[in-house]
Protein backbone atom coordinates (compact mmCIF):
# COMPACT_ATOMS: atom_id res chain seq x y z
CA MET A 1 -15.94 -1.02 -1.36
CA LEU A 2 -13.31 -3.17 0.74
CA GLU A 3 -14.54 -4.71 3.88
CA LEU A 4 -12.96 -6.81 6.54
CA ALA A 5 -15.38 -8.49 9.02
CA GLY A 6 -14.02 -10.12 12.23
CA VAL A 7 -10.71 -11.15 10.54
CA GLY A 8 -8.28 -13.19 12.57
CA LYS A 9 -5.14 -15.12 11.34
CA VAL A 10 -3.56 -17.76 13.58
CA TYR A 11 -0.02 -19.35 12.50
CA SER A 12 1.44 -22.40 13.75
CA SER A 13 5.35 -22.46 14.75
CA ILE A 14 7.56 -25.53 13.83
CA ASN A 15 7.01 -26.76 17.37
CA GLY A 16 3.09 -26.81 17.01
CA GLU A 17 2.38 -23.66 19.13
CA LYS A 18 -0.37 -21.21 17.99
CA ILE A 19 0.62 -17.67 17.00
CA GLU A 20 -2.16 -15.04 16.81
CA ALA A 21 -1.01 -12.58 14.45
CA VAL A 22 -4.17 -10.54 14.07
CA ASP A 23 -7.67 -10.60 15.90
CA ASN A 24 -11.04 -9.34 15.19
CA LEU A 25 -10.20 -6.89 12.47
CA SER A 26 -13.40 -5.00 11.16
CA LEU A 27 -13.00 -2.10 8.84
CA VAL A 28 -14.71 -0.72 5.70
CA ILE A 29 -12.70 1.19 3.14
CA VAL A 30 -14.64 2.91 0.37
CA GLU A 31 -13.89 3.49 -3.31
CA ASN A 32 -11.20 5.97 -3.88
CA GLU A 33 -10.33 6.26 -0.16
CA LEU A 34 -6.64 6.39 0.89
CA VAL A 35 -6.30 4.51 4.28
CA CYS A 36 -3.06 4.28 6.30
CA LEU A 37 -2.38 1.31 8.55
CA VAL A 38 -0.01 2.71 11.20
CA GLY A 39 1.69 1.21 14.17
CA ARG A 40 4.84 -0.50 15.94
CA SER A 41 6.63 -3.24 14.38
CA GLY A 42 4.46 -6.81 15.09
CA CYS A 43 1.17 -5.16 15.39
CA GLY A 44 0.04 -6.71 12.31
CA LYS A 45 0.08 -4.34 9.73
CA THR A 46 1.82 -6.13 6.92
CA THR A 47 -0.29 -9.33 7.84
CA THR A 48 -3.41 -7.37 7.35
CA LEU A 49 -2.32 -6.32 3.89
CA ARG A 50 -1.40 -9.75 2.89
CA LEU A 51 -4.59 -10.87 3.98
CA ILE A 52 -6.30 -8.29 1.75
CA ALA A 53 -4.00 -9.19 -1.13
CA GLY A 54 -5.08 -12.68 -0.78
CA LEU A 55 -1.42 -13.93 0.12
CA GLU A 56 -2.63 -15.47 3.34
CA THR A 57 -6.00 -16.95 4.27
CA PRO A 58 -7.90 -15.64 7.20
CA THR A 59 -8.43 -18.27 10.04
CA ARG A 60 -11.74 -16.81 10.87
CA GLY A 61 -13.76 -13.80 9.66
CA ARG A 62 -14.15 -12.73 6.04
CA ILE A 63 -12.62 -10.28 3.48
CA LEU A 64 -14.95 -8.74 0.88
CA LEU A 65 -14.32 -6.61 -2.26
CA SER A 66 -17.15 -5.15 -4.17
CA GLY A 67 -19.31 -7.88 -2.01
CA LYS A 68 -17.03 -10.64 -3.37
CA LYS A 69 -15.23 -12.75 -1.04
CA VAL A 70 -11.11 -12.56 -1.29
CA GLU A 71 -9.98 -16.04 -1.83
CA GLY A 72 -6.51 -15.51 -3.04
CA PRO A 73 -4.32 -13.21 -5.14
CA SER A 74 -5.85 -11.38 -8.01
CA ALA A 75 -5.09 -8.52 -10.44
CA GLU A 76 -8.08 -6.53 -8.66
CA ARG A 77 -5.58 -6.18 -6.03
CA CYS A 78 -2.04 -5.16 -6.78
CA VAL A 79 0.79 -4.95 -4.15
CA VAL A 80 3.98 -2.43 -4.01
CA PHE A 81 6.42 -3.85 -1.52
CA GLN A 82 8.97 -1.92 0.18
CA ARG A 83 11.73 -3.63 -2.14
CA TYR A 84 11.35 -2.90 -5.80
CA THR A 85 10.94 -6.50 -7.03
CA LEU A 86 11.41 -5.59 -10.67
CA PHE A 87 12.82 -7.93 -12.97
CA PRO A 88 16.46 -7.05 -13.61
CA TRP A 89 16.52 -8.74 -17.26
CA ARG A 90 13.59 -6.82 -18.52
CA SER A 91 13.59 -3.15 -19.60
CA VAL A 92 11.43 -0.59 -17.59
CA LEU A 93 8.87 -0.59 -20.44
CA ALA A 94 8.72 -4.57 -20.25
CA ASN A 95 8.61 -4.55 -16.22
CA VAL A 96 5.41 -2.24 -16.31
CA ALA A 97 3.68 -4.30 -19.04
CA PHE A 98 4.46 -7.54 -17.34
CA GLY A 99 1.10 -7.79 -15.74
CA LEU A 100 -0.46 -7.03 -18.99
CA GLU A 101 1.37 -9.61 -20.70
CA MET A 102 0.35 -12.34 -18.13
CA GLN A 103 -3.32 -11.19 -19.24
CA GLY A 104 -2.90 -11.66 -22.86
CA VAL A 105 -2.98 -8.17 -23.61
CA SER A 106 -1.79 -7.67 -27.21
CA ARG A 107 1.98 -6.12 -27.44
CA ALA A 108 1.07 -2.94 -29.06
CA GLU A 109 -1.80 -2.34 -26.43
CA ARG A 110 0.19 -3.34 -23.42
CA GLU A 111 3.20 -1.09 -24.34
CA LYS A 112 0.91 1.73 -25.11
CA THR A 113 -0.61 1.36 -21.67
CA ALA A 114 3.04 1.05 -20.02
CA LEU A 115 4.00 4.20 -21.60
CA ASP A 116 0.87 5.77 -20.38
CA TYR A 117 1.66 4.83 -16.79
CA LEU A 118 5.42 5.53 -17.19
CA ALA A 119 4.26 9.08 -17.92
CA LEU A 120 2.19 9.31 -15.07
CA VAL A 121 5.16 8.66 -12.73
CA GLY A 122 7.47 10.83 -14.90
CA LEU A 123 9.61 8.14 -16.08
CA GLU A 124 8.60 7.84 -19.87
CA ASP A 125 12.02 8.94 -21.00
CA GLN A 126 13.48 5.70 -19.23
CA ALA A 127 11.17 3.19 -20.88
CA ARG A 128 14.26 1.48 -22.68
CA ALA A 129 16.50 1.46 -19.50
CA TYR A 130 17.16 -1.46 -17.23
CA PRO A 131 16.35 -1.37 -13.27
CA VAL A 132 20.18 -1.50 -12.47
CA GLU A 133 20.47 1.99 -14.33
CA LEU A 134 17.78 3.76 -12.15
CA SER A 135 18.07 4.96 -8.66
CA GLY A 136 16.08 3.53 -5.80
CA GLY A 137 13.39 6.15 -6.07
CA MET A 138 13.13 5.63 -9.78
CA GLN A 139 12.72 1.96 -9.29
CA GLN A 140 9.88 2.45 -6.68
CA ARG A 141 8.12 4.64 -9.26
CA VAL A 142 8.31 1.82 -11.89
CA ALA A 143 6.91 -0.61 -9.33
CA VAL A 144 3.84 1.80 -8.85
CA ALA A 145 3.52 2.11 -12.49
CA ARG A 146 3.58 -1.64 -13.00
CA ALA A 147 1.19 -1.86 -10.14
CA LEU A 148 -1.26 0.69 -11.80
CA ALA A 149 -1.06 -0.51 -15.31
CA THR A 150 -3.46 -3.56 -14.71
CA ASP A 151 -5.87 -1.06 -13.58
CA PRO A 152 -6.56 -3.04 -9.97
CA GLN A 153 -9.37 -1.92 -7.91
CA VAL A 154 -7.19 -1.69 -5.00
CA LEU A 155 -3.29 -0.61 -4.57
CA LEU A 156 -1.91 -2.31 -1.60
CA MET A 157 1.43 -0.28 -0.34
CA ASP A 158 3.63 -2.23 2.18
CA GLU A 159 6.05 0.61 3.54
CA PRO A 160 6.97 1.46 -0.01
CA PHE A 161 9.03 4.12 0.70
CA GLY A 162 10.69 2.75 3.74
CA ALA A 163 14.00 1.80 2.19
CA LEU A 164 14.62 5.16 0.61
CA ASP A 165 16.65 8.20 1.97
CA ALA A 166 14.47 11.08 3.51
CA GLN A 167 14.77 13.49 0.64
CA THR A 168 13.63 11.10 -1.86
CA ARG A 169 10.85 9.76 0.53
CA ALA A 170 9.22 12.99 0.70
CA VAL A 171 9.52 13.52 -2.99
CA LEU A 172 7.62 10.25 -3.38
CA GLN A 173 5.04 11.02 -1.01
CA GLN A 174 4.20 14.23 -2.92
CA GLU A 175 4.53 11.84 -6.18
CA LEU A 176 1.90 9.51 -4.68
CA MET A 177 -0.41 12.33 -3.86
CA ARG A 178 -0.17 13.64 -7.27
CA ILE A 179 -0.81 10.17 -8.94
CA TRP A 180 -3.82 9.63 -6.43
CA ARG A 181 -5.47 12.58 -7.58
CA VAL A 182 -5.02 11.86 -11.24
CA ASP A 183 -5.91 8.05 -11.06
CA ARG A 184 -8.17 7.98 -7.86
CA LYS A 185 -7.53 4.51 -6.81
CA THR A 186 -8.42 2.95 -3.61
CA ILE A 187 -5.21 2.70 -1.66
CA VAL A 188 -4.21 0.88 1.49
CA PHE A 189 -0.96 2.04 2.65
CA VAL A 190 1.09 0.41 5.41
CA THR A 191 3.54 2.80 7.57
CA HIS A 192 5.38 3.04 10.90
CA ASP A 193 5.93 6.62 10.19
CA ILE A 194 3.21 8.68 12.02
CA GLN A 195 3.85 11.83 10.02
CA GLU A 196 3.75 9.80 6.71
CA ALA A 197 0.57 8.43 7.46
CA VAL A 198 -1.14 12.16 8.30
CA LEU A 199 0.40 13.44 5.27
CA LEU A 200 -1.27 10.94 2.91
CA ALA A 201 -4.45 9.64 4.48
CA ASP A 202 -7.98 10.14 4.51
CA ARG A 203 -8.28 7.98 7.68
CA VAL A 204 -5.63 6.61 9.67
CA VAL A 205 -5.91 3.09 11.30
CA VAL A 206 -4.00 2.79 14.46
CA MET A 207 -3.01 -0.68 15.11
CA GLN A 208 -1.54 -2.13 18.36
CA GLY A 209 -0.79 -5.73 19.29
CA PRO A 210 0.11 -8.64 19.18
CA PRO A 211 -2.10 -9.87 18.49
CA GLY A 212 -2.65 -7.02 16.19
CA HIS A 213 -6.03 -5.15 16.47
CA ILE A 214 -7.36 -1.87 15.65
CA ARG A 215 -7.16 0.52 18.49
CA GLU A 216 -8.73 3.56 16.96
CA ILE A 217 -9.50 4.78 13.40
CA ILE A 218 -8.93 8.62 13.03
CA ASP A 219 -10.29 11.02 10.03
CA CYS A 220 -7.59 12.82 8.45
CA ASP A 221 -9.91 16.07 7.58
CA LEU A 222 -6.96 18.41 6.81
CA PRO A 223 -6.93 20.15 3.40
CA ARG A 224 -4.52 19.10 0.75
CA PRO A 225 -1.83 19.80 0.29
CA ARG A 226 -0.77 19.32 4.06
CA ASP A 227 1.62 21.35 5.80
CA ARG A 228 3.74 19.44 8.11
CA ASN A 229 4.57 22.48 10.26
CA SER A 230 0.92 23.57 10.53
CA ALA A 231 -0.40 23.38 14.15
CA ALA A 232 -3.17 21.06 12.99
CA PHE A 233 -0.86 18.45 11.34
CA MET A 234 1.29 18.34 14.40
CA ASP A 235 -1.90 18.13 16.94
CA MET A 236 -2.98 14.97 14.87
CA SER A 237 0.48 13.61 14.72
CA ASP A 238 0.74 13.90 18.31
CA ARG A 239 -2.66 12.49 18.86
CA ILE A 240 -1.52 9.24 17.16
CA HIS A 241 1.80 9.25 18.83
CA LEU A 242 -0.06 9.32 22.17
CA LEU A 243 -2.21 6.47 21.04
CA LEU A 244 0.93 4.49 20.10
CA GLU A 245 2.71 5.17 23.36
CA GLY A 246 -0.58 4.13 25.25
CA ALA A 247 -0.26 0.75 23.26
CA GLU A 248 3.21 -0.13 25.22
């Protein structure tokens, strides 16, 4: 279980001014749940994700994973960013195996694990290729495989499909759903796209700000696979849209 309890984050500008990024975030995410954080730019979505990842330290409050306080980056929490962040000098296989290599896993074992996760994302035939030889969508699949290969408790995704064209984005949304059904990771997914959030999430956390705070948490109990054209899907999307409009 992942728990945020009264979390706030204040930055200091270069002239000493205090900037409150997020305030009083309280949220519990259970194991295997897929939660989307949605909101406009500046509402604290990415700051929240970075706090969970341990890349930022809360000014107040606490973040717990399985009852243990989050105090910095850890292999228990892996991040997939919008940009692919692959090592261009390493093959696809070596990119996916990188985290395992850092953990001291033997070469034979880490390559087997990397191949297993490349198969999961449908790229086992690209194991010897290099990132420059892959499309943007394929590179993002490699980034997902790399994150999953270390078997994290929580997968954190910061607008991972935001830089892709609409068609590729739709394909990868469906791929993520397939992978999640197989691997059953806890996922925290940041997006500004309301329909993407409704398509993917068990719950949608609607944020507003600054300072960033939770406006409402919506249960997405629509049956999967979800039909974007169904009345229930459009009603839920409209509900979130109205909440965000009300935040202006």
